[in-house]
């Protein structure tokens, strides 16, 4: 019989912070919904996890992590169960024998519910335990797959998949943008936060000033956002690529807006990482007049809130894409580059999901720029982006993004759907 309260979550970090970002968000959402869950997260890169959740100690092979009223077990993917290297790495990198980890080896076979995220497979020590001849307990593996707007997300959702043993069962669980998928991960406060911040934006449009009320607990860098600001604020988070067309479009947009409002100004906030370098280089080379600020690397909760304080978003990958979609804000998505420009298929699929929420005139520059921006075999065009920014500043396309977000909330929370499915297992 499956124990539905003990869940083992597997994450092999491939894309720096994207994979662990989704897994951390999912664990938070599950604990928020059901604090009594016993979650164990097995992660291959604790340094990346630490960047998103500073309480994580990267050198510890096994540790407790306190999240609100829950306590999770955090386990190093590379834990040497079954050999001499059992233990906790000290500051010199040496391994100390730890009885607690040996106990974990005994407990592991009793995890009957496993979330395998992003086709990550299983660590060797877990694979050996599950597929040993004398292990006969029933285990249900749910593969939490990559986010896509393509039709196969609906086709694969809850589809059964085979394993090497009949007692080890597996199904796909597909995130997605329709009610026939698992949906996106969000918490119940997000829609309320969106509404409050939208009221702030409306006030800003009347007074040309904006003040934000931060929730309790936000601090450090975000405290500065409580100050009055007079900028059209853009977050730029992208892969390392030529940014000349983007920088030119932002400059053209600012100049066009100044024809009717001489005080109109843009501030671009550059997300921490390599992607900020090509943007900054293009901005300096052109001697453009709009403002640029680098933001420090923020823990996940703070980055989530920071996104909601913007007027326009450039996002990349999966986790930040989901945040942008749910934010109700105008945004541009950069998909991960794939062979034969296949990322354009993924971009076109998402655009197809979005277009019903816009008029044809509103959607034309959105579609044109998204496709140009993601076509790595041709030069990016700046004109559609300048038009998209103008429409956003003049609230000509903003209703479409709000309606799209509203539909995603209506589709339901992936964490809720996941728990409902787990509850249905016999």
Protein backbone atom coordinates (compact mmCIF):
# COMPACT_ATOMS: atom_id res chain seq x y z
CA UNK A 1 0.00 0.00 0.00
CA UNK A 2 1.30 3.46 -0.95
CA UNK A 3 2.13 5.83 1.92
CA UNK A 4 0.74 9.14 0.61
CA UNK A 5 2.28 11.26 3.34
CA UNK A 6 5.96 10.46 2.61
CA UNK A 7 7.17 11.84 -0.71
CA UNK A 8 10.67 11.58 -2.18
CA UNK A 9 11.44 14.35 -4.72
CA UNK A 10 14.36 13.89 -7.12
CA UNK A 11 16.15 16.79 -8.82
CA UNK A 12 19.25 16.59 -10.99
CA UNK A 13 20.34 20.18 -11.57
CA UNK A 14 21.16 20.71 -15.24
CA UNK A 15 20.23 24.32 -16.03
CA UNK A 16 21.92 26.13 -13.15
CA UNK A 17 18.85 27.31 -11.19
CA UNK A 18 15.92 26.43 -13.45
CA UNK A 19 15.46 22.80 -12.38
CA UNK A 20 15.97 23.32 -8.67
CA UNK A 21 13.88 26.51 -8.89
CA UNK A 22 10.82 24.55 -10.01
CA UNK A 23 11.46 21.75 -7.51
CA UNK A 24 11.87 24.17 -4.60
CA UNK A 25 8.70 25.98 -5.68
CA UNK A 26 6.80 22.69 -5.91
CA UNK A 27 7.95 21.58 -2.46
CA UNK A 28 6.89 24.92 -1.00
CA UNK A 29 3.48 24.67 -2.65
CA UNK A 30 2.93 21.10 -1.41
CA UNK A 31 3.89 22.05 2.15
CA UNK A 32 1.66 25.14 2.04
CA UNK A 33 -1.29 22.97 1.05
CA UNK A 34 -0.51 20.09 3.40
CA UNK A 35 2.04 20.93 6.14
CA UNK A 36 1.88 17.37 7.52
CA UNK A 37 3.63 15.95 4.42
CA UNK A 38 7.05 14.43 5.01
CA UNK A 39 9.10 15.67 2.06
CA UNK A 40 12.61 14.45 1.23
CA UNK A 41 14.41 16.32 -1.55
CA UNK A 42 17.33 14.59 -3.25
CA UNK A 43 19.33 17.26 -5.12
CA UNK A 44 22.48 16.94 -7.20
CA UNK A 45 23.74 20.50 -6.70
CA UNK A 46 23.26 21.89 -3.21
CA UNK A 47 25.20 25.05 -4.12
CA UNK A 48 22.45 26.01 -6.57
CA UNK A 49 19.82 25.14 -3.99
CA UNK A 50 21.63 27.33 -1.45
CA UNK A 51 21.48 30.31 -3.83
CA UNK A 52 17.68 30.08 -3.94
CA UNK A 53 17.25 29.09 -0.30
CA UNK A 54 20.14 30.46 1.80
CA UNK A 55 19.30 28.17 4.75
CA UNK A 56 20.62 25.19 2.77
CA UNK A 57 24.15 24.18 3.79
CA UNK A 58 25.90 23.00 0.59
CA UNK A 59 28.52 20.88 2.37
CA UNK A 60 26.01 18.76 4.29
CA UNK A 61 25.05 15.47 2.64
CA UNK A 62 21.98 15.21 4.84
CA UNK A 63 20.20 18.01 6.63
CA UNK A 64 16.85 19.24 7.89
CA UNK A 65 15.27 22.26 6.24
CA UNK A 66 12.56 24.16 8.09
CA UNK A 67 9.87 25.67 5.90
CA UNK A 68 7.11 27.40 7.86
CA UNK A 69 5.48 24.59 9.89
CA UNK A 70 7.14 21.77 7.97
CA UNK A 71 10.55 20.10 8.16
CA UNK A 72 12.01 18.61 4.97
CA UNK A 73 14.93 16.23 4.62
CA UNK A 74 17.53 17.44 2.12
CA UNK A 75 19.82 14.74 0.72
CA UNK A 76 22.80 15.01 -1.60
CA UNK A 77 22.13 13.11 -4.85
CA UNK A 78 25.73 11.82 -4.71
CA UNK A 79 25.31 10.27 -1.29
CA UNK A 80 27.38 7.06 -1.18
CA UNK A 81 24.81 4.69 0.25
CA UNK A 82 26.24 1.18 0.60
CA UNK A 83 29.93 2.11 0.54
CA UNK A 84 32.47 3.65 2.87
CA UNK A 85 31.72 7.24 1.94
CA UNK A 86 28.73 7.72 4.20
CA UNK A 87 28.66 11.03 5.91
CA UNK A 88 28.81 14.74 6.04
CA UNK A 89 31.48 16.72 4.24
CA UNK A 90 33.40 19.05 6.48
CA UNK A 91 34.97 22.37 5.42
CA UNK A 92 38.01 20.59 3.97
CA UNK A 93 35.80 18.32 1.87
CA UNK A 94 36.54 15.23 3.95
CA UNK A 95 33.71 12.84 4.76
CA UNK A 96 32.72 12.08 8.33
CA UNK A 97 30.79 8.91 9.13
CA UNK A 98 27.26 9.77 10.15
CA UNK A 99 24.85 7.32 11.75
CA UNK A 100 21.89 9.40 10.61
CA UNK A 101 22.79 8.83 6.96
CA UNK A 102 23.15 5.11 7.56
CA UNK A 103 19.66 5.18 9.01
CA UNK A 104 18.49 6.95 5.88
CA UNK A 105 19.75 4.01 3.84
CA UNK A 106 17.45 1.77 5.83
CA UNK A 107 14.46 4.07 5.44
CA UNK A 108 14.81 4.73 1.70
CA UNK A 109 13.14 1.53 0.42
CA UNK A 110 9.97 2.54 2.31
CA UNK A 111 9.39 5.58 0.15
CA UNK A 112 6.52 4.36 -2.00
CA UNK A 113 5.84 7.71 -3.70
CA UNK A 114 8.59 9.34 -5.77
CA UNK A 115 8.47 12.53 -7.84
CA UNK A 116 11.06 12.28 -10.60
CA UNK A 117 11.50 15.79 -11.98
CA UNK A 118 12.51 16.66 -15.56
CA UNK A 119 13.41 13.14 -16.68
CA UNK A 120 16.28 13.21 -14.16
CA UNK A 121 16.37 9.46 -13.56
CA UNK A 122 17.39 8.16 -10.16
CA UNK A 123 20.69 8.20 -8.25
CA UNK A 124 22.60 4.93 -8.33
CA UNK A 125 22.02 4.14 -4.69
CA UNK A 126 18.25 4.53 -5.10
CA UNK A 127 18.20 2.60 -8.38
CA UNK A 128 20.01 -0.30 -6.72
CA UNK A 129 17.57 -0.34 -3.82
CA UNK A 130 14.39 -0.17 -5.89
CA UNK A 131 15.43 -2.74 -8.48
CA UNK A 132 17.13 -5.24 -6.22
CA UNK A 133 15.55 -8.75 -6.56
CA UNK A 134 14.41 -8.84 -2.93
CA UNK A 135 12.59 -5.47 -3.04
CA UNK A 136 8.89 -6.25 -3.59
CA UNK A 137 7.08 -3.21 -2.14
CA UNK A 138 4.90 -1.21 -4.52
CA UNK A 139 6.33 2.16 -5.56
CA UNK A 140 4.60 4.83 -7.65
CA UNK A 141 6.89 7.17 -9.59
CA UNK A 142 5.38 10.35 -11.00
CA UNK A 143 7.54 12.01 -13.63
CA UNK A 144 7.03 15.77 -13.35
CA UNK A 145 7.96 16.73 -16.88
CA UNK A 146 9.14 19.91 -18.58
CA UNK A 147 6.68 22.75 -19.13
CA UNK A 148 5.43 23.05 -22.70
CA UNK A 149 2.43 24.49 -24.53
CA UNK A 150 2.66 21.78 -27.19
CA UNK A 151 -0.28 19.41 -27.66
CA UNK A 152 1.65 16.42 -26.33
CA UNK A 153 1.39 17.87 -22.80
CA UNK A 154 -2.31 16.97 -22.81
CA UNK A 155 -1.68 13.61 -24.48
CA UNK A 156 1.01 12.53 -21.99
CA UNK A 157 -0.62 13.83 -18.80
CA UNK A 158 -1.21 10.88 -16.42
CA UNK A 159 -0.10 8.43 -19.11
CA UNK A 160 1.39 5.21 -17.74
CA UNK A 161 5.03 4.37 -18.47
CA UNK A 162 6.82 1.06 -18.02
CA UNK A 163 9.71 0.17 -15.72
CA UNK A 164 11.85 -2.95 -15.31
CA UNK A 165 9.68 -4.33 -12.48
CA UNK A 166 5.92 -4.67 -12.14
CA UNK A 167 5.91 -3.36 -8.56
CA UNK A 168 7.64 -0.13 -9.67
CA UNK A 169 4.92 1.82 -11.48
CA UNK A 170 5.35 5.10 -13.33
CA UNK A 171 3.17 7.86 -14.80
CA UNK A 172 3.76 11.18 -16.50
CA UNK A 173 2.49 14.32 -14.77
CA UNK A 174 2.61 17.23 -17.21
CA UNK A 175 2.68 20.91 -16.27
CA UNK A 176 0.92 23.01 -18.87
CA UNK A 177 -1.30 25.84 -19.97
CA UNK A 178 -4.65 24.05 -20.32
CA UNK A 179 -7.15 22.40 -18.00
CA UNK A 180 -6.25 19.01 -19.48
CA UNK A 181 -2.73 19.25 -18.00
CA UNK A 182 -1.46 19.65 -14.44
CA UNK A 183 -1.37 23.45 -14.79
CA UNK A 184 1.24 25.75 -13.24
CA UNK A 185 2.53 26.01 -9.67
CA UNK A 186 1.25 28.98 -7.73
CA UNK A 187 0.26 29.89 -4.21
CA UNK A 188 -3.13 31.25 -3.24
CA UNK A 189 -1.73 34.69 -2.34
CA UNK A 190 -0.36 35.35 -5.82
CA UNK A 191 -3.61 36.56 -7.40
CA UNK A 192 -4.17 38.90 -4.44
CA UNK A 193 -0.64 40.29 -4.81
CA UNK A 194 -1.26 40.85 -8.51
CA UNK A 195 -4.43 42.81 -7.76
CA UNK A 196 -2.76 45.03 -5.14
CA UNK A 197 0.18 45.79 -7.39
CA UNK A 198 -2.12 46.51 -10.32
CA UNK A 199 -3.85 49.14 -8.18
CA UNK A 200 -0.40 50.64 -7.52
CA UNK A 201 0.27 50.77 -11.25
CA UNK A 202 -3.06 52.50 -11.87
CA UNK A 203 -2.20 55.10 -9.24
CA UNK A 204 1.21 55.50 -10.85
CA UNK A 205 -0.44 56.28 -14.18
CA UNK A 206 -2.32 59.15 -12.58
CA UNK A 207 0.50 60.63 -10.50
CA UNK A 208 3.59 59.52 -12.45
CA UNK A 209 4.83 58.16 -9.13
CA UNK A 210 4.63 54.71 -7.64
CA UNK A 211 4.86 53.36 -4.14
CA UNK A 212 4.87 49.69 -3.28
CA UNK A 213 3.81 48.11 -0.02
CA UNK A 214 5.99 45.09 0.58
CA UNK A 215 4.71 42.08 2.53
CA UNK A 216 6.20 41.39 5.93
CA UNK A 217 9.53 39.61 5.74
CA UNK A 218 10.79 41.22 2.53
CA UNK A 219 14.02 43.05 3.23
CA UNK A 220 17.50 44.01 1.99
CA UNK A 221 17.43 44.91 -1.72
CA UNK A 222 13.64 44.96 -1.93
CA UNK A 223 13.28 47.58 0.78
CA UNK A 224 14.45 50.14 -1.78
CA UNK A 225 11.32 49.50 -3.83
CA UNK A 226 9.26 51.22 -1.16
CA UNK A 227 10.75 54.48 -2.31
CA UNK A 228 8.92 56.55 -4.90
CA UNK A 229 9.93 55.67 -8.46
CA UNK A 230 9.19 57.43 -11.73
CA UNK A 231 10.40 54.83 -14.21
CA UNK A 232 8.79 52.40 -16.61
CA UNK A 233 10.52 49.37 -15.13
CA UNK A 234 11.75 46.45 -17.22
CA UNK A 235 13.29 43.22 -15.94
CA UNK A 236 15.80 41.70 -18.36
CA UNK A 237 16.57 38.03 -17.74
CA UNK A 238 17.86 36.17 -20.78
CA UNK A 239 20.38 33.73 -22.18
CA UNK A 240 23.78 35.02 -23.21
CA UNK A 241 23.16 36.47 -26.68
CA UNK A 242 23.48 39.65 -28.75
CA UNK A 243 21.19 42.30 -27.25
CA UNK A 244 21.67 45.11 -29.78
CA UNK A 245 18.14 44.94 -31.17
CA UNK A 246 16.57 44.83 -27.71
CA UNK A 247 18.58 47.80 -26.48
CA UNK A 248 17.75 49.79 -29.61
CA UNK A 249 14.04 49.03 -29.28
CA UNK A 250 13.96 50.17 -25.64
CA UNK A 251 15.69 53.41 -26.59
CA UNK A 252 13.29 54.00 -29.50
CA UNK A 253 10.37 53.30 -27.18
CA UNK A 254 11.56 55.83 -24.61
CA UNK A 255 12.06 58.53 -27.26
CA UNK A 256 8.61 57.90 -28.72
CA UNK A 257 6.96 58.19 -25.31
CA UNK A 258 8.82 61.44 -24.65
CA UNK A 259 7.09 63.03 -27.62
CA UNK A 260 3.98 63.30 -25.46
CA UNK A 261 5.56 63.10 -21.99
CA UNK A 262 8.95 64.78 -21.68
CA UNK A 263 9.56 63.22 -18.25
CA UNK A 264 8.98 59.63 -19.34
CA UNK A 265 11.96 57.43 -18.44
CA UNK A 266 12.84 53.75 -18.61
CA UNK A 267 14.88 51.75 -16.13
CA UNK A 268 16.07 48.27 -17.11
CA UNK A 269 16.90 45.94 -14.23
CA UNK A 270 19.48 43.36 -15.28
CA UNK A 271 19.17 39.98 -13.59
CA UNK A 272 22.36 38.61 -12.08
CA UNK A 273 24.41 36.35 -14.34
CA UNK A 274 26.19 36.17 -17.68
CA UNK A 275 23.15 37.43 -19.60
CA UNK A 276 23.63 40.92 -18.20
CA UNK A 277 27.01 41.38 -19.93
CA UNK A 278 25.89 41.53 -23.60
CA UNK A 279 23.01 43.84 -22.66
CA UNK A 280 25.28 46.20 -20.74
CA UNK A 281 27.86 46.15 -23.55
CA UNK A 282 25.25 47.07 -26.18
CA UNK A 283 23.85 49.80 -23.93
CA UNK A 284 27.28 51.37 -23.34
CA UNK A 285 28.29 51.07 -26.99
CA UNK A 286 25.21 52.98 -28.15
CA UNK A 287 25.43 55.54 -25.35
CA UNK A 288 21.70 55.20 -24.77
CA UNK A 289 19.95 57.49 -22.30
CA UNK A 290 17.66 55.05 -20.51
CA UNK A 291 18.76 53.87 -17.07
CA UNK A 292 20.24 50.43 -16.32
CA UNK A 293 20.62 48.84 -12.89
CA UNK A 294 22.06 45.45 -11.97
CA UNK A 295 20.16 43.54 -9.34
CA UNK A 296 21.83 41.08 -6.96
CA UNK A 297 20.98 37.40 -7.00
CA UNK A 298 17.78 37.14 -4.98
CA UNK A 299 16.35 34.19 -3.04
CA UNK A 300 13.32 32.73 -4.77
CA UNK A 301 10.63 34.39 -2.64
CA UNK A 302 12.22 37.81 -3.11
CA UNK A 303 12.69 37.35 -6.86
CA UNK A 304 9.03 36.36 -7.18
CA UNK A 305 7.94 39.58 -5.51
CA UNK A 306 10.41 41.67 -7.48
CA UNK A 307 8.92 40.44 -10.76
CA UNK A 308 5.52 41.72 -9.69
CA UNK A 309 6.87 45.25 -9.19
CA UNK A 310 7.89 45.56 -12.85
CA UNK A 311 5.97 46.98 -15.82
CA UNK A 312 7.44 44.65 -18.44
CA UNK A 313 9.38 41.38 -18.30
CA UNK A 314 12.00 39.59 -20.37
CA UNK A 315 12.22 36.02 -19.07
CA UNK A 316 13.89 32.81 -20.10
CA UNK A 317 13.63 29.08 -19.47
CA UNK A 318 10.78 27.47 -17.55
CA UNK A 319 10.40 28.72 -13.99
CA UNK A 320 10.59 32.43 -14.82
CA UNK A 321 8.27 31.82 -17.80
CA UNK A 322 5.61 30.43 -15.47
CA UNK A 323 6.07 33.40 -13.13
CA UNK A 324 5.68 35.82 -16.05
CA UNK A 325 2.55 34.08 -17.33
CA UNK A 326 0.92 34.29 -13.90
CA UNK A 327 2.04 37.88 -13.25
CA UNK A 328 -0.56 39.48 -15.57
CA UNK A 329 2.28 41.65 -16.93
CA UNK A 330 3.36 42.08 -20.57
CA UNK A 331 6.37 39.86 -21.19
CA UNK A 332 8.74 38.37 -23.72
CA UNK A 333 9.96 34.78 -23.42
CA UNK A 334 13.32 33.47 -24.62
CA UNK A 335 13.29 29.70 -25.06
CA UNK A 336 16.38 27.55 -24.59
CA UNK A 337 18.23 27.13 -27.89
CA UNK A 338 17.75 23.69 -29.48
CA UNK A 339 19.02 21.89 -32.57
CA UNK A 340 17.53 22.94 -35.90
CA UNK A 341 15.85 25.96 -34.27
CA UNK A 342 13.30 23.63 -32.66
CA UNK A 343 12.70 26.17 -29.89
CA UNK A 344 10.57 28.07 -32.42
CA UNK A 345 8.06 25.20 -32.28
CA UNK A 346 7.76 25.65 -28.53
CA UNK A 347 7.46 29.43 -28.86
CA UNK A 348 4.79 29.13 -31.55
CA UNK A 349 2.83 26.67 -29.40
CA UNK A 350 2.72 29.11 -26.48
CA UNK A 351 1.80 32.01 -28.75
CA UNK A 352 -1.08 29.91 -30.07
CA UNK A 353 -2.34 29.43 -26.50
CA UNK A 354 -2.13 33.20 -25.88
CA UNK A 355 -3.56 34.70 -29.07
CA UNK A 356 -7.23 34.18 -28.17
CA UNK A 357 -6.88 36.75 -25.37
CA UNK A 358 -5.77 39.59 -27.67
CA UNK A 359 -7.14 41.44 -30.66
CA UNK A 360 -5.36 40.78 -33.95
CA UNK A 361 -3.82 44.26 -33.87
CA UNK A 362 -2.54 43.82 -30.30
CA UNK A 363 -1.10 40.40 -30.97
CA UNK A 364 0.75 41.14 -34.21
CA UNK A 365 3.83 42.85 -32.65
CA UNK A 366 3.92 40.31 -29.79
CA UNK A 367 4.02 37.40 -32.20
CA UNK A 368 6.47 39.11 -34.55
CA UNK A 369 9.00 39.93 -31.86
CA UNK A 370 8.75 36.64 -29.96
CA UNK A 371 9.48 34.71 -33.14
CA UNK A 372 12.28 37.04 -34.21
CA UNK A 373 13.84 37.06 -30.73
CA UNK A 374 13.89 33.24 -30.60
CA UNK A 375 15.15 32.68 -34.15
CA UNK A 376 18.84 32.11 -33.52
CA UNK A 377 19.59 31.74 -37.23
CA UNK A 378 18.49 35.27 -38.16
CA UNK A 379 18.98 38.75 -36.78
CA UNK A 380 16.47 39.98 -34.18
CA UNK A 381 14.22 42.82 -35.33
CA UNK A 382 13.79 45.81 -33.03
CA UNK A 383 10.65 47.42 -34.50
CA UNK A 384 8.09 44.87 -33.19
CA UNK A 385 9.53 45.15 -29.68
CA UNK A 386 9.35 48.95 -29.73
CA UNK A 387 5.69 48.66 -30.77
CA UNK A 388 5.00 46.04 -28.10
CA UNK A 389 6.53 48.29 -25.43
CA UNK A 390 4.50 51.27 -26.65
CA UNK A 391 1.31 49.23 -26.48
CA UNK A 392 2.21 48.09 -22.96
CA UNK A 393 2.95 51.61 -21.69
CA UNK A 394 -0.30 52.87 -23.23
CA UNK A 395 -2.28 49.87 -21.86
CA UNK A 396 -3.26 48.64 -25.32
CA UNK A 397 -2.14 45.03 -24.82
CA UNK A 398 -2.22 44.72 -21.03
CA UNK A 399 -5.77 43.35 -20.85
CA UNK A 400 -4.73 40.41 -23.01
CA UNK A 401 -1.94 39.43 -20.62
CA UNK A 402 -4.32 39.80 -17.65
CA UNK A 403 -6.94 37.59 -19.30
CA UNK A 404 -4.30 34.98 -20.13
CA UNK A 405 -3.12 34.93 -16.49
CA UNK A 406 -6.72 34.71 -15.27
CA UNK A 407 -7.27 31.61 -17.42
CA UNK A 408 -4.13 29.99 -16.00
CA UNK A 409 -5.38 30.57 -12.46
CA UNK A 410 -8.74 29.12 -13.51
CA UNK A 411 -6.97 25.99 -14.83
CA UNK A 412 -5.86 25.34 -11.27
CA UNK A 413 -2.71 24.86 -9.23
CA UNK A 414 -0.37 22.03 -10.25
CA UNK A 415 0.35 21.28 -6.58
CA UNK A 416 -3.38 20.90 -5.86
CA UNK A 417 -3.87 18.65 -8.89
CA UNK A 418 -0.85 16.58 -7.88
CA UNK A 419 -2.15 16.00 -4.36
CA UNK A 420 -5.61 15.14 -5.70
CA UNK A 421 -4.06 12.53 -7.97
CA UNK A 422 -1.92 11.12 -5.16
CA UNK A 423 -5.02 10.86 -2.98
CA UNK A 424 -6.75 8.86 -5.73
CA UNK A 425 -4.03 6.19 -5.80
CA UNK A 426 -5.02 2.92 -4.21
